[in-house]
Structures are given as structure tokens and as C-alpha cells.
Amino acid sequence: MSEFGSISTPSEELTETMVQAYRFALEPTFDQEQSLRSHCGAARFAANWGVRKVLANWDQRAAEATYGVPVEDLTPWIDLSAYSLRRA
């Protein structure tokens, strides 16, 4: 044994880990199901809106570049963060 202690190999450091999981089934009422579907639809609409907004910005910049507009005069990039898109 050295002054720094014993050296253990990776196989000696392994410990067993048990993972436990639970499974639940949702059984919403008709009104709850309609509300869940509405929220999912709104989230999908918002995500698609954000994608369209970003792609439109990219397409605008690409079109301006083909007309020979200098880089400093191109339409500015929009902020792609979720926070800025949410504010928009």
C-alpha cells in the first residue's frame, strides 16, 4: 500500500442500482379530454407559428442577399430563444 492509499480498479467501484418505476393510466372525463386536446392543439399551433416566423426571417435574408444587399443592411436576425418567441 502506498502513502496515497490503495488503488481500486473500476470493477471494484461498481455498485448495484435498483430503478423502480410506476405506471399510471389517465382516464379523463369527456370534458377533461376535450380540455387536454385543446391545450395540445394550442401548443402545436404555437410551435408551428414559431417555426414559420424563423423560416420567414431566414428566407427574407436569403432573398435580400440575392439582390446584392450588403450584409450590414440585411433584415436583422430574430432571437431564436423560446422566451423571445413567446414575447413575440
PDB file of N, CA and C in Angstrom:
ATOM      1  N   MET A   1       0.852  -1.168   0.000  1.00  0.00           N
ATOM      2  CA  MET A   1       0.000   0.000   0.000  1.00  0.00           C
ATOM      3  C   MET A   1       0.896   1.230   0.000  1.00  0.00           C
ATOM      4  N   SER A   2       0.553   2.177  -0.876  1.00  0.00           N
ATOM      5  CA  SER A   2       1.350   3.392  -0.965  1.00  0.00           C
ATOM      6  C   SER A   2       0.846   4.403   0.051  1.00  0.00           C
ATOM      7  N   GLU A   3       1.548   5.540   0.137  1.00  0.00           N
ATOM      8  CA  GLU A   3       1.150   6.583   1.077  1.00  0.00           C
ATOM      9  C   GLU A   3      -0.170   7.244   0.666  1.00  0.00           C
ATOM     10  N   PHE A   4      -0.598   7.044  -0.589  1.00  0.00           N
ATOM     11  CA  PHE A   4      -1.841   7.635  -1.066  1.00  0.00           C
ATOM     12  C   PHE A   4      -3.022   6.692  -0.929  1.00  0.00           C
ATOM     13  N   GLY A   5      -2.809   5.560  -0.394  1.00  0.00           N
ATOM     14  CA  GLY A   5      -3.895   4.602  -0.235  1.00  0.00           C
ATOM     15  C   GLY A   5      -3.888   3.582  -1.361  1.00  0.00           C
ATOM     16  N   SER A   6      -4.812   2.671  -1.304  1.00  0.00           N
ATOM     17  CA  SER A   6      -4.866   1.639  -2.335  1.00  0.00           C
ATOM     18  C   SER A   6      -5.546   2.171  -3.583  1.00  0.00           C
ATOM     19  N   ILE A   7      -5.173   1.621  -4.698  1.00  0.00           N
ATOM     20  CA  ILE A   7      -5.772   1.996  -5.977  1.00  0.00           C
ATOM     21  C   ILE A   7      -6.799   0.930  -6.327  1.00  0.00           C
ATOM     22  N   SER A   8      -8.022   1.377  -6.549  1.00  0.00           N
ATOM     23  CA  SER A   8      -9.064   0.419  -6.888  1.00  0.00           C
ATOM     24  C   SER A   8      -9.324   0.460  -8.388  1.00  0.00           C
ATOM     25  N   THR A   9      -9.665  -0.660  -8.930  1.00  0.00           N
ATOM     26  CA  THR A   9      -9.989  -0.740 -10.348  1.00  0.00           C
ATOM     27  C   THR A   9     -11.460  -0.388 -10.533  1.00  0.00           C
ATOM     28  N   PRO A  10     -11.839   0.012 -11.742  1.00  0.00           N
ATOM     29  CA  PRO A  10     -13.243   0.388 -11.970  1.00  0.00           C
ATOM     30  C   PRO A  10     -14.234  -0.707 -11.606  1.00  0.00           C
ATOM     31  N   SER A  11     -13.871  -1.971 -11.785  1.00  0.00           N
ATOM     32  CA  SER A  11     -14.810  -3.041 -11.485  1.00  0.00           C
ATOM     33  C   SER A  11     -15.089  -3.138  -9.990  1.00  0.00           C
ATOM     34  N   GLU A  12     -14.133  -2.725  -9.152  1.00  0.00           N
ATOM     35  CA  GLU A  12     -14.347  -2.756  -7.715  1.00  0.00           C
ATOM     36  C   GLU A  12     -15.257  -1.621  -7.261  1.00  0.00           C
ATOM     37  N   GLU A  13     -15.334  -0.536  -8.033  1.00  0.00           N
ATOM     38  CA  GLU A  13     -16.127   0.623  -7.647  1.00  0.00           C
ATOM     39  C   GLU A  13     -17.585   0.506  -8.063  1.00  0.00           C
ATOM     40  N   LEU A  14     -17.916  -0.458  -8.894  1.00  0.00           N
ATOM     41  CA  LEU A  14     -19.285  -0.610  -9.366  1.00  0.00           C
ATOM     42  C   LEU A  14     -20.198  -1.050  -8.230  1.00  0.00           C
ATOM     43  N   THR A  15     -21.336  -0.436  -8.156  1.00  0.00           N
ATOM     44  CA  THR A  15     -22.336  -0.841  -7.183  1.00  0.00           C
ATOM     45  C   THR A  15     -23.629  -1.129  -7.924  1.00  0.00           C
ATOM     46  N   GLU A  16     -24.437  -1.922  -7.312  1.00  0.00           N
ATOM     47  CA  GLU A  16     -25.719  -2.250  -7.937  1.00  0.00           C
ATOM     48  C   GLU A  16     -26.722  -1.151  -7.639  1.00  0.00           C
ATOM     49  N   THR A  17     -27.491  -0.791  -8.652  1.00  0.00           N
ATOM     50  CA  THR A  17     -28.510   0.233  -8.509  1.00  0.00           C
ATOM     51  C   THR A  17     -29.844  -0.351  -8.943  1.00  0.00           C
ATOM     52  N   MET A  18     -30.844  -0.157  -8.124  1.00  0.00           N
ATOM     53  CA  MET A  18     -32.178  -0.630  -8.474  1.00  0.00           C
ATOM     54  C   MET A  18     -33.018   0.573  -8.883  1.00  0.00           C
ATOM     55  N   VAL A  19     -33.668   0.461 -10.020  1.00  0.00           N
ATOM     56  CA  VAL A  19     -34.544   1.517 -10.507  1.00  0.00           C
ATOM     57  C   VAL A  19     -35.971   1.007 -10.413  1.00  0.00           C
ATOM     58  N   GLN A  20     -36.820   1.815  -9.796  1.00  0.00           N
ATOM     59  CA  GLN A  20     -38.210   1.425  -9.650  1.00  0.00           C
ATOM     60  C   GLN A  20     -39.068   2.428 -10.411  1.00  0.00           C
ATOM     61  N   ALA A  21     -40.045   1.935 -11.120  1.00  0.00           N
ATOM     62  CA  ALA A  21     -40.908   2.806 -11.911  1.00  0.00           C
ATOM     63  C   ALA A  21     -42.369   2.495 -11.595  1.00  0.00           C
ATOM     64  N   TYR A  22     -43.190   3.499 -11.804  1.00  0.00           N
ATOM     65  CA  TYR A  22     -44.620   3.347 -11.622  1.00  0.00           C
ATOM     66  C   TYR A  22     -45.306   3.678 -12.936  1.00  0.00           C
ATOM     67  N   ARG A  23     -46.371   3.010 -13.213  1.00  0.00           N
ATOM     68  CA  ARG A  23     -47.122   3.245 -14.433  1.00  0.00           C
ATOM     69  C   ARG A  23     -48.545   3.642 -14.054  1.00  0.00           C
ATOM     70  N   PHE A  24     -48.973   4.758 -14.628  1.00  0.00           N
ATOM     71  CA  PHE A  24     -50.310   5.258 -14.342  1.00  0.00           C
ATOM     72  C   PHE A  24     -51.086   5.374 -15.639  1.00  0.00           C
ATOM     73  N   ALA A  25     -52.364   5.161 -15.562  1.00  0.00           N
ATOM     74  CA  ALA A  25     -53.243   5.337 -16.709  1.00  0.00           C
ATOM     75  C   ALA A  25     -54.163   6.509 -16.433  1.00  0.00           C
ATOM     76  N   LEU A  26     -54.257   7.404 -17.401  1.00  0.00           N
ATOM     77  CA  LEU A  26     -55.184   8.528 -17.272  1.00  0.00           C
ATOM     78  C   LEU A  26     -56.544   8.098 -17.812  1.00  0.00           C
ATOM     79  N   GLU A  27     -57.552   8.408 -17.064  1.00  0.00           N
ATOM     80  CA  GLU A  27     -58.921   8.138 -17.507  1.00  0.00           C
ATOM     81  C   GLU A  27     -59.731   9.422 -17.341  1.00  0.00           C
ATOM     82  N   PRO A  28     -59.469  10.402 -18.227  1.00  0.00           N
ATOM     83  CA  PRO A  28     -60.169  11.683 -18.070  1.00  0.00           C
ATOM     84  C   PRO A  28     -61.643  11.569 -18.456  1.00  0.00           C
ATOM     85  N   THR A  29     -62.415  12.459 -17.878  1.00  0.00           N
ATOM     86  CA  THR A  29     -63.814  12.550 -18.271  1.00  0.00           C
ATOM     87  C   THR A  29     -63.863  13.176 -19.664  1.00  0.00           C
ATOM     88  N   PHE A  30     -65.043  13.225 -20.238  1.00  0.00           N
ATOM     89  CA  PHE A  30     -65.180  13.797 -21.574  1.00  0.00           C
ATOM     90  C   PHE A  30     -64.727  15.246 -21.598  1.00  0.00           C
ATOM     91  N   ASP A  31     -65.145  16.029 -20.607  1.00  0.00           N
ATOM     92  CA  ASP A  31     -64.754  17.442 -20.555  1.00  0.00           C
ATOM     93  C   ASP A  31     -63.247  17.605 -20.364  1.00  0.00           C
ATOM     94  N   GLN A  32     -62.659  16.768 -19.511  1.00  0.00           N
ATOM     95  CA  GLN A  32     -61.213  16.828 -19.299  1.00  0.00           C
ATOM     96  C   GLN A  32     -60.461  16.449 -20.574  1.00  0.00           C
ATOM     97  N   GLU A  33     -60.955  15.449 -21.276  1.00  0.00           N
ATOM     98  CA  GLU A  33     -60.312  15.039 -22.528  1.00  0.00           C
ATOM     99  C   GLU A  33     -60.363  16.164 -23.561  1.00  0.00           C
ATOM    100  N   GLN A  34     -61.495  16.838 -23.646  1.00  0.00           N
ATOM    101  CA  GLN A  34     -61.616  17.960 -24.580  1.00  0.00           C
ATOM    102  C   GLN A  34     -60.633  19.070 -24.208  1.00  0.00           C
ATOM    103  N   SER A  35     -60.490  19.335 -22.921  1.00  0.00           N
ATOM    104  CA  SER A  35     -59.558  20.362 -22.463  1.00  0.00           C
ATOM    105  C   SER A  35     -58.113  19.969 -22.785  1.00  0.00           C
ATOM    106  N   LEU A  36     -57.750  18.715 -22.561  1.00  0.00           N
ATOM    107  CA  LEU A  36     -56.403  18.239 -22.895  1.00  0.00           C
ATOM    108  C   LEU A  36     -56.128  18.371 -24.390  1.00  0.00           C
ATOM    109  N   ARG A  37     -57.102  17.987 -25.201  1.00  0.00           N
ATOM    110  CA  ARG A  37     -56.933  18.113 -26.656  1.00  0.00           C
ATOM    111  C   ARG A  37     -56.782  19.575 -27.079  1.00  0.00           C
ATOM    112  N   SER A  38     -57.532  20.460 -26.432  1.00  0.00           N
ATOM    113  CA  SER A  38     -57.445  21.882 -26.742  1.00  0.00           C
ATOM    114  C   SER A  38     -56.056  22.425 -26.415  1.00  0.00           C
ATOM    115  N   HIS A  39     -55.530  22.046 -25.265  1.00  0.00           N
ATOM    116  CA  HIS A  39     -54.195  22.510 -24.874  1.00  0.00           C
ATOM    117  C   HIS A  39     -53.123  21.967 -25.813  1.00  0.00           C
ATOM    118  N   CYS A  40     -53.249  20.709 -26.213  1.00  0.00           N
ATOM    119  CA  CYS A  40     -52.286  20.125 -27.155  1.00  0.00           C
ATOM    120  C   CYS A  40     -52.359  20.840 -28.502  1.00  0.00           C
ATOM    121  N   GLY A  41     -53.554  21.155 -28.943  1.00  0.00           N
ATOM    122  CA  GLY A  41     -53.708  21.869 -30.207  1.00  0.00           C
ATOM    123  C   GLY A  41     -53.118  23.261 -30.148  1.00  0.00           C
ATOM    124  N   ALA A  42     -53.299  23.946 -29.028  1.00  0.00           N
ATOM    125  CA  ALA A  42     -52.742  25.289 -28.867  1.00  0.00           C
ATOM    126  C   ALA A  42     -51.220  25.240 -28.852  1.00  0.00           C
ATOM    127  N   ALA A  43     -50.655  24.243 -28.193  1.00  0.00           N
ATOM    128  CA  ALA A  43     -49.194  24.110 -28.147  1.00  0.00           C
ATOM    129  C   ALA A  43     -48.646  23.825 -29.545  1.00  0.00           C
ATOM    130  N   ARG A  44     -49.318  22.970 -30.286  1.00  0.00           N
ATOM    131  CA  ARG A  44     -48.879  22.665 -31.649  1.00  0.00           C
ATOM    132  C   ARG A  44     -48.973  23.908 -32.527  1.00  0.00           C
ATOM    133  N   PHE A  45     -50.049  24.674 -32.394  1.00  0.00           N
ATOM    134  CA  PHE A  45     -50.215  25.902 -33.167  1.00  0.00           C
ATOM    135  C   PHE A  45     -49.090  26.891 -32.865  1.00  0.00           C
ATOM    136  N   ALA A  46     -48.769  27.058 -31.579  1.00  0.00           N
ATOM    137  CA  ALA A  46     -47.712  27.998 -31.182  1.00  0.00           C
ATOM    138  C   ALA A  46     -46.351  27.548 -31.709  1.00  0.00           C
ATOM    139  N   ALA A  47     -46.069  26.259 -31.648  1.00  0.00           N
ATOM    140  CA  ALA A  47     -44.788  25.761 -32.145  1.00  0.00           C
ATOM    141  C   ALA A  47     -44.674  25.970 -33.649  1.00  0.00           C
ATOM    142  N   ASN A  48     -45.733  25.681 -34.378  1.00  0.00           N
ATOM    143  CA  ASN A  48     -45.713  25.880 -35.831  1.00  0.00           C
ATOM    144  C   ASN A  48     -45.585  27.355 -36.183  1.00  0.00           C
ATOM    145  N   TRP A  49     -46.216  28.235 -35.400  1.00  0.00           N
ATOM    146  CA  TRP A  49     -46.100  29.672 -35.621  1.00  0.00           C
ATOM    147  C   TRP A  49     -44.647  30.109 -35.474  1.00  0.00           C
ATOM    148  N   GLY A  50     -43.969  29.624 -34.440  1.00  0.00           N
ATOM    149  CA  GLY A  50     -42.570  29.976 -34.219  1.00  0.00           C
ATOM    150  C   GLY A  50     -41.674  29.497 -35.355  1.00  0.00           C
ATOM    151  N   VAL A  51     -41.915  28.292 -35.822  1.00  0.00           N
ATOM    152  CA  VAL A  51     -41.116  27.754 -36.934  1.00  0.00           C
ATOM    153  C   VAL A  51     -41.334  28.602 -38.180  1.00  0.00           C
ATOM    154  N   ARG A  52     -42.598  28.956 -38.474  1.00  0.00           N
ATOM    155  CA  ARG A  52     -42.878  29.778 -39.654  1.00  0.00           C
ATOM    156  C   ARG A  52     -42.210  31.148 -39.549  1.00  0.00           C
ATOM    157  N   LYS A  53     -42.230  31.744 -38.359  1.00  0.00           N
ATOM    158  CA  LYS A  53     -41.629  33.060 -38.151  1.00  0.00           C
ATOM    159  C   LYS A  53     -40.113  33.015 -38.402  1.00  0.00           C
ATOM    160  N   VAL A  54     -39.447  32.003 -37.879  1.00  0.00           N
ATOM    161  CA  VAL A  54     -37.997  31.862 -38.052  1.00  0.00           C
ATOM    162  C   VAL A  54     -37.657  31.593 -39.517  1.00  0.00           C
ATOM    163  N   LEU A  55     -38.394  30.689 -40.150  1.00  0.00           N
ATOM    164  CA  LEU A  55     -38.122  30.384 -41.554  1.00  0.00           C
ATOM    165  C   LEU A  55     -38.372  31.587 -42.454  1.00  0.00           C
ATOM    166  N   ALA A  56     -39.394  32.371 -42.152  1.00  0.00           N
ATOM    167  CA  ALA A  56     -39.664  33.580 -42.936  1.00  0.00           C
ATOM    168  C   ALA A  56     -38.514  34.564 -42.813  1.00  0.00           C
ATOM    169  N   ASN A  57     -37.942  34.686 -41.624  1.00  0.00           N
ATOM    170  CA  ASN A  57     -36.799  35.571 -41.413  1.00  0.00           C
ATOM    171  C   ASN A  57     -35.603  35.094 -42.227  1.00  0.00           C
ATOM    172  N   TRP A  58     -35.335  33.802 -42.191  1.00  0.00           N
ATOM    173  CA  TRP A  58     -34.208  33.248 -42.963  1.00  0.00           C
ATOM    174  C   TRP A  58     -34.421  33.451 -44.456  1.00  0.00           C
ATOM    175  N   ASP A  59     -35.654  33.187 -44.929  1.00  0.00           N
ATOM    176  CA  ASP A  59     -35.950  33.356 -46.354  1.00  0.00           C
ATOM    177  C   ASP A  59     -35.813  34.816 -46.783  1.00  0.00           C
ATOM    178  N   GLN A  60     -36.252  35.733 -45.934  1.00  0.00           N
ATOM    179  CA  GLN A  60     -36.135  37.160 -46.234  1.00  0.00           C
ATOM    180  C   GLN A  60     -34.669  37.556 -46.388  1.00  0.00           C
ATOM    181  N   ARG A  61     -33.839  37.109 -45.459  1.00  0.00           N
ATOM    182  CA  ARG A  61     -32.406  37.429 -45.529  1.00  0.00           C
ATOM    183  C   ARG A  61     -31.768  36.819 -46.777  1.00  0.00           C
ATOM    184  N   ALA A  62     -32.159  35.592 -47.126  1.00  0.00           N
ATOM    185  CA  ALA A  62     -31.602  34.945 -48.314  1.00  0.00           C
ATOM    186  C   ALA A  62     -32.016  35.691 -49.578  1.00  0.00           C
ATOM    187  N   ALA A  63     -33.275  36.129 -49.641  1.00  0.00           N
ATOM    188  CA  ALA A  63     -33.748  36.873 -50.808  1.00  0.00           C
ATOM    189  C   ALA A  63     -33.016  38.208 -50.926  1.00  0.00           C
ATOM    190  N   GLU A  64     -32.844  38.910 -49.811  1.00  0.00           N
ATOM    191  CA  GLU A  64     -32.126  40.182 -49.845  1.00  0.00           C
ATOM    192  C   GLU A  64     -30.677  39.991 -50.293  1.00  0.00           C
ATOM    193  N   ALA A  65     -30.065  38.888 -49.862  1.00  0.00           N
ATOM    194  CA  ALA A  65     -28.673  38.619 -50.242  1.00  0.00           C
ATOM    195  C   ALA A  65     -28.551  38.382 -51.743  1.00  0.00           C
ATOM    196  N   THR A  66     -29.571  37.763 -52.360  1.00  0.00           N
ATOM    197  CA  THR A  66     -29.502  37.512 -53.805  1.00  0.00           C
ATOM    198  C   THR A  66     -29.627  38.810 -54.600  1.00  0.00           C
ATOM    199  N   TYR A  67     -30.230  39.844 -53.992  1.00  0.00           N
ATOM    200  CA  TYR A  67     -30.340  41.139 -54.668  1.00  0.00           C
ATOM    201  C   TYR A  67     -29.096  41.992 -54.469  1.00  0.00           C
ATOM    202  N   GLY A  68     -28.115  41.473 -53.750  1.00  0.00           N
ATOM    203  CA  GLY A  68     -26.880  42.208 -53.553  1.00  0.00           C
ATOM    204  C   GLY A  68     -26.908  43.208 -52.418  1.00  0.00           C
ATOM    205  N   VAL A  69     -27.839  43.052 -51.488  1.00  0.00           N
ATOM    206  CA  VAL A  69     -27.905  43.952 -50.336  1.00  0.00           C
ATOM    207  C   VAL A  69     -26.705  43.644 -49.435  1.00  0.00           C
ATOM    208  N   PRO A  70     -25.982  44.658 -49.003  1.00  0.00           N
ATOM    209  CA  PRO A  70     -24.836  44.412 -48.114  1.00  0.00           C
ATOM    210  C   PRO A  70     -25.267  43.727 -46.815  1.00  0.00           C
ATOM    211  N   VAL A  71     -24.370  42.955 -46.238  1.00  0.00           N
ATOM    212  CA  VAL A  71     -24.684  42.170 -45.038  1.00  0.00           C
ATOM    213  C   VAL A  71     -25.181  43.052 -43.901  1.00  0.00           C
ATOM    214  N   GLU A  72     -24.576  44.232 -43.726  1.00  0.00           N
ATOM    215  CA  GLU A  72     -24.989  45.094 -42.613  1.00  0.00           C
ATOM    216  C   GLU A  72     -26.377  45.695 -42.819  1.00  0.00           C
ATOM    217  N   ASP A  73     -26.906  45.648 -44.058  1.00  0.00           N
ATOM    218  CA  ASP A  73     -28.234  46.199 -44.336  1.00  0.00           C
ATOM    219  C   ASP A  73     -29.320  45.129 -44.440  1.00  0.00           C
ATOM    220  N   LEU A  74     -28.960  43.872 -44.280  1.00  0.00           N
ATOM    221  CA  LEU A  74     -29.960  42.802 -44.338  1.00  0.00           C
ATOM    222  C   LEU A  74     -30.910  42.908 -43.156  1.00  0.00           C
ATOM    223  N   THR A  75     -32.087  42.311 -43.311  1.00  0.00           N
ATOM    224  CA  THR A  75     -33.036  42.229 -42.213  1.00  0.00           C
ATOM    225  C   THR A  75     -32.331  41.575 -41.028  1.00  0.00           C
ATOM    226  N   PRO A  76     -32.450  42.150 -39.839  1.00  0.00           N
ATOM    227  CA  PRO A  76     -31.734  41.574 -38.692  1.00  0.00           C
ATOM    228  C   PRO A  76     -32.268  40.193 -38.332  1.00  0.00           C
ATOM    229  N   TRP A  77     -31.373  39.365 -37.797  1.00  0.00           N
ATOM    230  CA  TRP A  77     -31.777  38.050 -37.314  1.00  0.00           C
ATOM    231  C   TRP A  77     -32.742  38.228 -36.153  1.00  0.00           C
ATOM    232  N   ILE A  78     -33.713  37.331 -36.060  1.00  0.00           N
ATOM    233  CA  ILE A  78     -34.586  37.358 -34.889  1.00  0.00           C
ATOM    234  C   ILE A  78     -33.978  36.444 -33.831  1.00  0.00           C
ATOM    235  N   ASP A  79     -34.287  36.733 -32.583  1.00  0.00           N
ATOM    236  CA  ASP A  79     -33.791  35.908 -31.485  1.00  0.00           C
ATOM    237  C   ASP A  79     -34.570  34.594 -31.492  1.00  0.00           C
ATOM    238  N   LEU A  80     -33.854  33.477 -31.481  1.00  0.00           N
ATOM    239  CA  LEU A  80     -34.498  32.171 -31.590  1.00  0.00           C
ATOM    240  C   LEU A  80     -34.857  31.553 -30.248  1.00  0.00           C
ATOM    241  N   SER A  81     -34.606  32.250 -29.161  1.00  0.00           N
ATOM    242  CA  SER A  81     -34.887  31.658 -27.853  1.00  0.00           C
ATOM    243  C   SER A  81     -36.396  31.545 -27.640  1.00  0.00           C
ATOM    244  N   ALA A  82     -36.766  30.599 -26.815  1.00  0.00           N
ATOM    245  CA  ALA A  82     -38.175  30.398 -26.523  1.00  0.00           C
ATOM    246  C   ALA A  82     -38.786  31.617 -25.854  1.00  0.00           C
ATOM    247  N   TYR A  83     -37.994  32.305 -25.047  1.00  0.00           N
ATOM    248  CA  TYR A  83     -38.504  33.489 -24.346  1.00  0.00           C
ATOM    249  C   TYR A  83     -38.834  34.608 -25.329  1.00  0.00           C
ATOM    250  N   SER A  84     -37.941  34.864 -26.273  1.00  0.00           N
ATOM    251  CA  SER A  84     -38.210  35.956 -27.225  1.00  0.00           C
ATOM    252  C   SER A  84     -39.343  35.598 -28.171  1.00  0.00           C
ATOM    253  N   LEU A  85     -39.419  34.344 -28.593  1.00  0.00           N
ATOM    254  CA  LEU A  85     -40.541  33.942 -29.453  1.00  0.00           C
ATOM    255  C   LEU A  85     -41.859  34.012 -28.682  1.00  0.00           C
ATOM    256  N   ARG A  86     -41.837  33.688 -27.406  1.00  0.00           N
ATOM    257  CA  ARG A  86     -43.045  33.781 -26.600  1.00  0.00           C
ATOM    258  C   ARG A  86     -43.501  35.222 -26.478  1.00  0.00           C
ATOM    259  N   ARG A  87     -42.540  36.140 -26.302  1.00  0.00           N
ATOM    260  CA  ARG A  87     -42.885  37.558 -26.220  1.00  0.00           C
ATOM    261  C   ARG A  87     -43.464  38.063 -27.542  1.00  0.00           C
ATOM    262  N   ALA A  88     -42.940  37.559 -28.661  1.00  0.00           N
ATOM    263  CA  ALA A  88     -43.415  37.992 -29.978  1.00  0.00           C
ATOM    264  C   ALA A  88     -44.824  37.457 -30.195  1.00  0.00           C
TER     265      ALA A  88
END
